[in-house]
Amino acid sequence: MKRYKTSEETYQKVMEACMGMCVLCGKTVGLELHHIRGRGRFLTDDPTNCVMLCNDCHENKVHGNLKKYRPILLKIASDIYKD
């Protein structure tokens, strides 16, 4: 399966919206872009579906317990990206 890379434009928009920190713990290093609902087969990179997470939160918290964290991240994203 071919890996899909997020555009630099989307990455920068999300980084700015999240103020350069992990939305769960506030760390400012080791940040990764996380697609909340996944990209699916259409590989959408809509920034409103993305947040920044540190690598610890991304791997250990979110991907270890998507059912718990998806609603939390959706709420955070709706607060970040509200008009």
PDB file of N, CA and C in Angstrom:
ATOM      1  N   MET A   1       0.829  -1.169   0.000  1.00  0.00           N
ATOM      2  CA  MET A   1       0.000   0.000   0.000  1.00  0.00           C
ATOM      3  C   MET A   1       0.887   1.252   0.000  1.00  0.00           C
ATOM      4  N   LYS A   2       0.570   2.202  -0.845  1.00  0.00           N
ATOM      5  CA  LYS A   2       1.341   3.428  -0.951  1.00  0.00           C
ATOM      6  C   LYS A   2       1.016   4.350   0.217  1.00  0.00           C
ATOM      7  N   ARG A   3       2.070   4.888   0.849  1.00  0.00           N
ATOM      8  CA  ARG A   3       1.876   5.832   1.956  1.00  0.00           C
ATOM      9  C   ARG A   3       1.534   7.199   1.383  1.00  0.00           C
ATOM     10  N   TYR A   4       0.632   7.869   2.027  1.00  0.00           N
ATOM     11  CA  TYR A   4       0.189   9.187   1.602  1.00  0.00           C
ATOM     12  C   TYR A   4       0.794  10.224   2.529  1.00  0.00           C
ATOM     13  N   LYS A   5       1.390  11.250   1.965  1.00  0.00           N
ATOM     14  CA  LYS A   5       2.001  12.313   2.762  1.00  0.00           C
ATOM     15  C   LYS A   5       1.092  13.541   2.766  1.00  0.00           C
ATOM     16  N   THR A   6       0.846  14.069   3.949  1.00  0.00           N
ATOM     17  CA  THR A   6       0.049  15.280   4.104  1.00  0.00           C
ATOM     18  C   THR A   6       0.788  16.453   3.474  1.00  0.00           C
ATOM     19  N   SER A   7       0.051  17.343   2.832  1.00  0.00           N
ATOM     20  CA  SER A   7       0.681  18.498   2.195  1.00  0.00           C
ATOM     21  C   SER A   7       1.292  19.417   3.250  1.00  0.00           C
ATOM     22  N   GLU A   8       2.325  20.124   2.854  1.00  0.00           N
ATOM     23  CA  GLU A   8       2.987  21.078   3.745  1.00  0.00           C
ATOM     24  C   GLU A   8       2.014  22.187   4.145  1.00  0.00           C
ATOM     25  N   GLU A   9       1.153  22.584   3.220  1.00  0.00           N
ATOM     26  CA  GLU A   9       0.164  23.638   3.496  1.00  0.00           C
ATOM     27  C   GLU A   9      -0.783  23.209   4.618  1.00  0.00           C
ATOM     28  N   THR A  10      -1.296  21.984   4.535  1.00  0.00           N
ATOM     29  CA  THR A  10      -2.191  21.478   5.578  1.00  0.00           C
ATOM     30  C   THR A  10      -1.453  21.374   6.907  1.00  0.00           C
ATOM     31  N   TYR A  11      -0.246  20.838   6.866  1.00  0.00           N
ATOM     32  CA  TYR A  11       0.552  20.704   8.088  1.00  0.00           C
ATOM     33  C   TYR A  11       0.721  22.061   8.767  1.00  0.00           C
ATOM     34  N   GLN A  12       1.077  23.080   7.998  1.00  0.00           N
ATOM     35  CA  GLN A  12       1.297  24.411   8.564  1.00  0.00           C
ATOM     36  C   GLN A  12       0.005  25.014   9.115  1.00  0.00           C
ATOM     37  N   LYS A  13      -1.112  24.824   8.422  1.00  0.00           N
ATOM     38  CA  LYS A  13      -2.401  25.339   8.910  1.00  0.00           C
ATOM     39  C   LYS A  13      -2.773  24.707  10.236  1.00  0.00           C
ATOM     40  N   VAL A  14      -2.580  23.388  10.338  1.00  0.00           N
ATOM     41  CA  VAL A  14      -2.923  22.676  11.568  1.00  0.00           C
ATOM     42  C   VAL A  14      -1.970  23.071  12.690  1.00  0.00           C
ATOM     43  N   MET A  15      -0.688  23.181  12.376  1.00  0.00           N
ATOM     44  CA  MET A  15       0.299  23.584  13.378  1.00  0.00           C
ATOM     45  C   MET A  15      -0.052  24.968  13.937  1.00  0.00           C
ATOM     46  N   GLU A  16      -0.434  25.881  13.071  1.00  0.00           N
ATOM     47  CA  GLU A  16      -0.811  27.232  13.507  1.00  0.00           C
ATOM     48  C   GLU A  16      -2.092  27.197  14.346  1.00  0.00           C
ATOM     49  N   ALA A  17      -3.087  26.445  13.889  1.00  0.00           N
ATOM     50  CA  ALA A  17      -4.360  26.364  14.614  1.00  0.00           C
ATOM     51  C   ALA A  17      -4.162  25.768  16.006  1.00  0.00           C
ATOM     52  N   CYS A  18      -3.232  24.844  16.133  1.00  0.00           N
ATOM     53  CA  CYS A  18      -2.967  24.185  17.421  1.00  0.00           C
ATOM     54  C   CYS A  18      -1.885  24.915  18.220  1.00  0.00           C
ATOM     55  N   MET A  19      -1.481  26.077  17.736  1.00  0.00           N
ATOM     56  CA  MET A  19      -0.498  26.925  18.401  1.00  0.00           C
ATOM     57  C   MET A  19       0.828  26.211  18.667  1.00  0.00           C
ATOM     58  N   GLY A  20       1.197  25.298  17.773  1.00  0.00           N
ATOM     59  CA  GLY A  20       2.494  24.638  17.863  1.00  0.00           C
ATOM     60  C   GLY A  20       2.660  23.711  19.045  1.00  0.00           C
ATOM     61  N   MET A  21       1.537  23.140  19.505  1.00  0.00           N
ATOM     62  CA  MET A  21       1.650  22.227  20.646  1.00  0.00           C
ATOM     63  C   MET A  21       0.659  21.074  20.534  1.00  0.00           C
ATOM     64  N   CYS A  22       0.933  20.034  21.283  1.00  0.00           N
ATOM     65  CA  CYS A  22       0.034  18.877  21.367  1.00  0.00           C
ATOM     66  C   CYS A  22      -1.264  19.331  22.029  1.00  0.00           C
ATOM     67  N   VAL A  23      -2.392  19.017  21.398  1.00  0.00           N
ATOM     68  CA  VAL A  23      -3.674  19.462  21.942  1.00  0.00           C
ATOM     69  C   VAL A  23      -4.088  18.681  23.190  1.00  0.00           C
ATOM     70  N   LEU A  24      -3.413  17.590  23.498  1.00  0.00           N
ATOM     71  CA  LEU A  24      -3.745  16.817  24.696  1.00  0.00           C
ATOM     72  C   LEU A  24      -2.857  17.150  25.890  1.00  0.00           C
ATOM     73  N   CYS A  25      -1.551  17.290  25.666  1.00  0.00           N
ATOM     74  CA  CYS A  25      -0.659  17.496  26.814  1.00  0.00           C
ATOM     75  C   CYS A  25       0.103  18.813  26.782  1.00  0.00           C
ATOM     76  N   GLY A  26       0.104  19.505  25.652  1.00  0.00           N
ATOM     77  CA  GLY A  26       0.770  20.799  25.569  1.00  0.00           C
ATOM     78  C   GLY A  26       2.237  20.766  25.187  1.00  0.00           C
ATOM     79  N   LYS A  27       2.815  19.579  24.962  1.00  0.00           N
ATOM     80  CA  LYS A  27       4.224  19.511  24.548  1.00  0.00           C
ATOM     81  C   LYS A  27       4.408  20.238  23.220  1.00  0.00           C
ATOM     82  N   THR A  28       5.603  20.779  23.031  1.00  0.00           N
ATOM     83  CA  THR A  28       5.903  21.504  21.799  1.00  0.00           C
ATOM     84  C   THR A  28       6.969  20.816  20.951  1.00  0.00           C
ATOM     85  N   VAL A  29       7.405  19.644  21.365  1.00  0.00           N
ATOM     86  CA  VAL A  29       8.414  18.891  20.599  1.00  0.00           C
ATOM     87  C   VAL A  29       7.856  17.539  20.198  1.00  0.00           C
ATOM     88  N   GLY A  30       8.398  16.985  19.126  1.00  0.00           N
ATOM     89  CA  GLY A  30       7.973  15.666  18.658  1.00  0.00           C
ATOM     90  C   GLY A  30       6.540  15.648  18.166  1.00  0.00           C
ATOM     91  N   LEU A  31       6.093  16.722  17.520  1.00  0.00           N
ATOM     92  CA  LEU A  31       4.694  16.822  17.099  1.00  0.00           C
ATOM     93  C   LEU A  31       4.431  16.081  15.800  1.00  0.00           C
ATOM     94  N   GLU A  32       3.244  15.488  15.730  1.00  0.00           N
ATOM     95  CA  GLU A  32       2.788  14.759  14.547  1.00  0.00           C
ATOM     96  C   GLU A  32       1.366  15.193  14.239  1.00  0.00           C
ATOM     97  N   LEU A  33       1.043  15.264  12.960  1.00  0.00           N
ATOM     98  CA  LEU A  33      -0.312  15.591  12.549  1.00  0.00           C
ATOM     99  C   LEU A  33      -1.168  14.333  12.653  1.00  0.00           C
ATOM    100  N   HIS A  34      -2.324  14.452  13.276  1.00  0.00           N
ATOM    101  CA  HIS A  34      -3.239  13.313  13.434  1.00  0.00           C
ATOM    102  C   HIS A  34      -4.547  13.615  12.717  1.00  0.00           C
ATOM    103  N   HIS A  35      -4.978  12.703  11.849  1.00  0.00           N
ATOM    104  CA  HIS A  35      -6.284  12.800  11.200  1.00  0.00           C
ATOM    105  C   HIS A  35      -7.306  12.164  12.139  1.00  0.00           C
ATOM    106  N   ILE A  36      -8.250  12.929  12.613  1.00  0.00           N
ATOM    107  CA  ILE A  36      -9.189  12.457  13.629  1.00  0.00           C
ATOM    108  C   ILE A  36     -10.071  11.334  13.095  1.00  0.00           C
ATOM    109  N   ARG A  37     -10.676  11.546  11.948  1.00  0.00           N
ATOM    110  CA  ARG A  37     -11.548  10.528  11.365  1.00  0.00           C
ATOM    111  C   ARG A  37     -10.824   9.673  10.334  1.00  0.00           C
ATOM    112  N   GLY A  38      -9.558   9.823  10.178  1.00  0.00           N
ATOM    113  CA  GLY A  38      -8.810   9.109   9.159  1.00  0.00           C
ATOM    114  C   GLY A  38      -9.029   9.765   7.807  1.00  0.00           C
ATOM    115  N   ARG A  39      -8.245   9.392   6.851  1.00  0.00           N
ATOM    116  CA  ARG A  39      -8.361   9.983   5.529  1.00  0.00           C
ATOM    117  C   ARG A  39      -9.250   9.166   4.616  1.00  0.00           C
ATOM    118  N   GLY A  40      -9.483   7.918   4.971  1.00  0.00           N
ATOM    119  CA  GLY A  40     -10.348   7.081   4.155  1.00  0.00           C
ATOM    120  C   GLY A  40      -9.814   6.890   2.752  1.00  0.00           C
ATOM    121  N   ARG A  41     -10.649   6.392   1.914  1.00  0.00           N
ATOM    122  CA  ARG A  41     -10.196   6.083   0.555  1.00  0.00           C
ATOM    123  C   ARG A  41     -10.020   7.328  -0.310  1.00  0.00           C
ATOM    124  N   PHE A  42     -10.576   8.466   0.115  1.00  0.00           N
ATOM    125  CA  PHE A  42     -10.456   9.681  -0.677  1.00  0.00           C
ATOM    126  C   PHE A  42      -9.256  10.534  -0.266  1.00  0.00           C
ATOM    127  N   LEU A  43      -8.540  10.118   0.756  1.00  0.00           N
ATOM    128  CA  LEU A  43      -7.319  10.775   1.202  1.00  0.00           C
ATOM    129  C   LEU A  43      -7.496  12.278   1.415  1.00  0.00           C
ATOM    130  N   THR A  44      -8.571  12.652   2.074  1.00  0.00           N
ATOM    131  CA  THR A  44      -8.823  14.073   2.322  1.00  0.00           C
ATOM    132  C   THR A  44      -7.864  14.622   3.375  1.00  0.00           C
ATOM    133  N   ASP A  45      -7.401  15.810   3.132  1.00  0.00           N
ATOM    134  CA  ASP A  45      -6.483  16.481   4.038  1.00  0.00           C
ATOM    135  C   ASP A  45      -7.104  17.741   4.613  1.00  0.00           C
ATOM    136  N   ASP A  46      -8.398  17.741   4.825  1.00  0.00           N
ATOM    137  CA  ASP A  46      -9.079  18.906   5.365  1.00  0.00           C
ATOM    138  C   ASP A  46      -8.494  19.225   6.747  1.00  0.00           C
ATOM    139  N   PRO A  47      -7.927  20.412   6.930  1.00  0.00           N
ATOM    140  CA  PRO A  47      -7.326  20.747   8.228  1.00  0.00           C
ATOM    141  C   PRO A  47      -8.295  20.639   9.402  1.00  0.00           C
ATOM    142  N   THR A  48      -9.595  20.818   9.174  1.00  0.00           N
ATOM    143  CA  THR A  48     -10.548  20.736  10.280  1.00  0.00           C
ATOM    144  C   THR A  48     -10.717  19.310  10.798  1.00  0.00           C
ATOM    145  N   ASN A  49     -10.130  18.341  10.098  1.00  0.00           N
ATOM    146  CA  ASN A  49     -10.142  16.948  10.527  1.00  0.00           C
ATOM    147  C   ASN A  49      -8.806  16.572  11.178  1.00  0.00           C
ATOM    148  N   CYS A  50      -7.968  17.555  11.446  1.00  0.00           N
ATOM    149  CA  CYS A  50      -6.621  17.271  11.932  1.00  0.00           C
ATOM    150  C   CYS A  50      -6.292  18.070  13.188  1.00  0.00           C
ATOM    151  N   VAL A  51      -5.452  17.483  14.010  1.00  0.00           N
ATOM    152  CA  VAL A  51      -4.887  18.164  15.178  1.00  0.00           C
ATOM    153  C   VAL A  51      -3.432  17.742  15.308  1.00  0.00           C
ATOM    154  N   MET A  52      -2.675  18.501  16.095  1.00  0.00           N
ATOM    155  CA  MET A  52      -1.288  18.143  16.381  1.00  0.00           C
ATOM    156  C   MET A  52      -1.243  17.377  17.697  1.00  0.00           C
ATOM    157  N   LEU A  53      -0.493  16.286  17.687  1.00  0.00           N
ATOM    158  CA  LEU A  53      -0.264  15.486  18.888  1.00  0.00           C
ATOM    159  C   LEU A  53       1.232  15.226  19.009  1.00  0.00           C
ATOM    160  N   CYS A  54       1.741  15.173  20.227  1.00  0.00           N
ATOM    161  CA  CYS A  54       3.138  14.748  20.398  1.00  0.00           C
ATOM    162  C   CYS A  54       3.185  13.255  20.102  1.00  0.00           C
ATOM    163  N   ASN A  55       4.379  12.761  19.826  1.00  0.00           N
ATOM    164  CA  ASN A  55       4.464  11.351  19.456  1.00  0.00           C
ATOM    165  C   ASN A  55       4.022  10.423  20.586  1.00  0.00           C
ATOM    166  N   ASP A  56       4.204  10.823  21.846  1.00  0.00           N
ATOM    167  CA  ASP A  56       3.737   9.986  22.960  1.00  0.00           C
ATOM    168  C   ASP A  56       2.210   9.885  22.977  1.00  0.00           C
ATOM    169  N   CYS A  57       1.523  11.029  22.897  1.00  0.00           N
ATOM    170  CA  CYS A  57       0.055  11.006  22.899  1.00  0.00           C
ATOM    171  C   CYS A  57      -0.478  10.301  21.656  1.00  0.00           C
ATOM    172  N   HIS A  58       0.165  10.532  20.517  1.00  0.00           N
ATOM    173  CA  HIS A  58      -0.291   9.940  19.263  1.00  0.00           C
ATOM    174  C   HIS A  58      -0.254   8.419  19.327  1.00  0.00           C
ATOM    175  N   GLU A  59       0.855   7.878  19.728  1.00  0.00           N
ATOM    176  CA  GLU A  59       1.004   6.421  19.740  1.00  0.00           C
ATOM    177  C   GLU A  59       0.398   5.763  20.976  1.00  0.00           C
ATOM    178  N   ASN A  60       0.700   6.281  22.150  1.00  0.00           N
ATOM    179  CA  ASN A  60       0.319   5.615  23.389  1.00  0.00           C
ATOM    180  C   ASN A  60      -1.118   5.854  23.817  1.00  0.00           C
ATOM    181  N   LYS A  61      -1.635   7.041  23.567  1.00  0.00           N
ATOM    182  CA  LYS A  61      -2.995   7.341  23.998  1.00  0.00           C
ATOM    183  C   LYS A  61      -3.992   7.121  22.876  1.00  0.00           C
ATOM    184  N   VAL A  62      -3.848   7.893  21.813  1.00  0.00           N
ATOM    185  CA  VAL A  62      -4.877   7.942  20.778  1.00  0.00           C
ATOM    186  C   VAL A  62      -4.986   6.632  20.009  1.00  0.00           C
ATOM    187  N   HIS A  63      -3.882   6.147  19.454  1.00  0.00           N
ATOM    188  CA  HIS A  63      -3.984   4.920  18.660  1.00  0.00           C
ATOM    189  C   HIS A  63      -4.204   3.687  19.524  1.00  0.00           C
ATOM    190  N   GLY A  64      -3.959   3.819  20.816  1.00  0.00           N
ATOM    191  CA  GLY A  64      -4.227   2.718  21.725  1.00  0.00           C
ATOM    192  C   GLY A  64      -5.677   2.682  22.197  1.00  0.00           C
ATOM    193  N   ASN A  65      -6.426   3.770  21.969  1.00  0.00           N
ATOM    194  CA  ASN A  65      -7.787   3.839  22.473  1.00  0.00           C
ATOM    195  C   ASN A  65      -8.614   4.845  21.653  1.00  0.00           C
ATOM    196  N   LEU A  66      -8.810   4.541  20.375  1.00  0.00           N
ATOM    197  CA  LEU A  66      -9.515   5.460  19.475  1.00  0.00           C
ATOM    198  C   LEU A  66     -10.942   5.763  19.921  1.00  0.00           C
ATOM    199  N   LYS A  67     -11.643   4.770  20.460  1.00  0.00           N
ATOM    200  CA  LYS A  67     -13.037   4.999  20.865  1.00  0.00           C
ATOM    201  C   LYS A  67     -13.132   6.068  21.950  1.00  0.00           C
ATOM    202  N   LYS A  68     -12.165   6.096  22.838  1.00  0.00           N
ATOM    203  CA  LYS A  68     -12.166   7.091  23.910  1.00  0.00           C
ATOM    204  C   LYS A  68     -11.740   8.463  23.391  1.00  0.00           C
ATOM    205  N   TYR A  69     -10.693   8.511  22.581  1.00  0.00           N
ATOM    206  CA  TYR A  69     -10.096   9.790  22.212  1.00  0.00           C
ATOM    207  C   TYR A  69     -10.723  10.466  21.000  1.00  0.00           C
ATOM    208  N   ARG A  70     -11.348   9.728  20.103  1.00  0.00           N
ATOM    209  CA  ARG A  70     -11.934  10.378  18.924  1.00  0.00           C
ATOM    210  C   ARG A  70     -12.944  11.467  19.304  1.00  0.00           C
ATOM    211  N   PRO A  71     -13.905  11.208  20.206  1.00  0.00           N
ATOM    212  CA  PRO A  71     -14.841  12.280  20.587  1.00  0.00           C
ATOM    213  C   PRO A  71     -14.147  13.473  21.241  1.00  0.00           C
ATOM    214  N   ILE A  72     -13.129  13.217  22.030  1.00  0.00           N
ATOM    215  CA  ILE A  72     -12.374  14.290  22.676  1.00  0.00           C
ATOM    216  C   ILE A  72     -11.688  15.148  21.619  1.00  0.00           C
ATOM    217  N   LEU A  73     -11.044  14.502  20.653  1.00  0.00           N
ATOM    218  CA  LEU A  73     -10.336  15.236  19.609  1.00  0.00           C
ATOM    219  C   LEU A  73     -11.297  15.967  18.682  1.00  0.00           C
ATOM    220  N   LEU A  74     -12.460  15.381  18.429  1.00  0.00           N
ATOM    221  CA  LEU A  74     -13.461  16.074  17.606  1.00  0.00           C
ATOM    222  C   LEU A  74     -13.935  17.353  18.300  1.00  0.00           C
ATOM    223  N   LYS A  75     -14.115  17.306  19.606  1.00  0.00           N
ATOM    224  CA  LYS A  75     -14.521  18.484  20.371  1.00  0.00           C
ATOM    225  C   LYS A  75     -13.422  19.542  20.351  1.00  0.00           C
ATOM    226  N   ILE A  76     -12.189  19.121  20.556  1.00  0.00           N
ATOM    227  CA  ILE A  76     -11.062  20.052  20.516  1.00  0.00           C
ATOM    228  C   ILE A  76     -10.976  20.707  19.136  1.00  0.00           C
ATOM    229  N   ALA A  77     -11.096  19.910  18.071  1.00  0.00           N
ATOM    230  CA  ALA A  77     -11.023  20.444  16.707  1.00  0.00           C
ATOM    231  C   ALA A  77     -12.159  21.411  16.440  1.00  0.00           C
ATOM    232  N   SER A  78     -13.357  21.110  16.930  1.00  0.00           N
ATOM    233  CA  SER A  78     -14.477  22.028  16.694  1.00  0.00           C
ATOM    234  C   SER A  78     -14.243  23.359  17.410  1.00  0.00           C
ATOM    235  N   ASP A  79     -13.589  23.335  18.560  1.00  0.00           N
ATOM    236  CA  ASP A  79     -13.257  24.565  19.273  1.00  0.00           C
ATOM    237  C   ASP A  79     -12.150  25.340  18.548  1.00  0.00           C
ATOM    238  N   ILE A  80     -11.166  24.625  18.041  1.00  0.00           N
ATOM    239  CA  ILE A  80     -10.041  25.263  17.352  1.00  0.00           C
ATOM    240  C   ILE A  80     -10.487  25.910  16.044  1.00  0.00           C
ATOM    241  N   TYR A  81     -11.314  25.214  15.292  1.00  0.00           N
ATOM    242  CA  TYR A  81     -11.641  25.647  13.939  1.00  0.00           C
ATOM    243  C   TYR A  81     -12.987  26.368  13.820  1.00  0.00           C
ATOM    244  N   LYS A  82     -13.603  26.712  14.953  1.00  0.00           N
ATOM    245  CA  LYS A  82     -14.888  27.410  14.855  1.00  0.00           C
ATOM    246  C   LYS A  82     -14.685  28.778  14.222  1.00  0.00           C
ATOM    247  N   ASP A  83     -15.679  29.224  13.516  1.00  0.00           N
ATOM    248  CA  ASP A  83     -15.573  30.499  12.775  1.00  0.00           C
ATOM    249  C   ASP A  83     -15.567  31.675  13.693  1.00  0.00           C
TER     250      ASP A  83
END
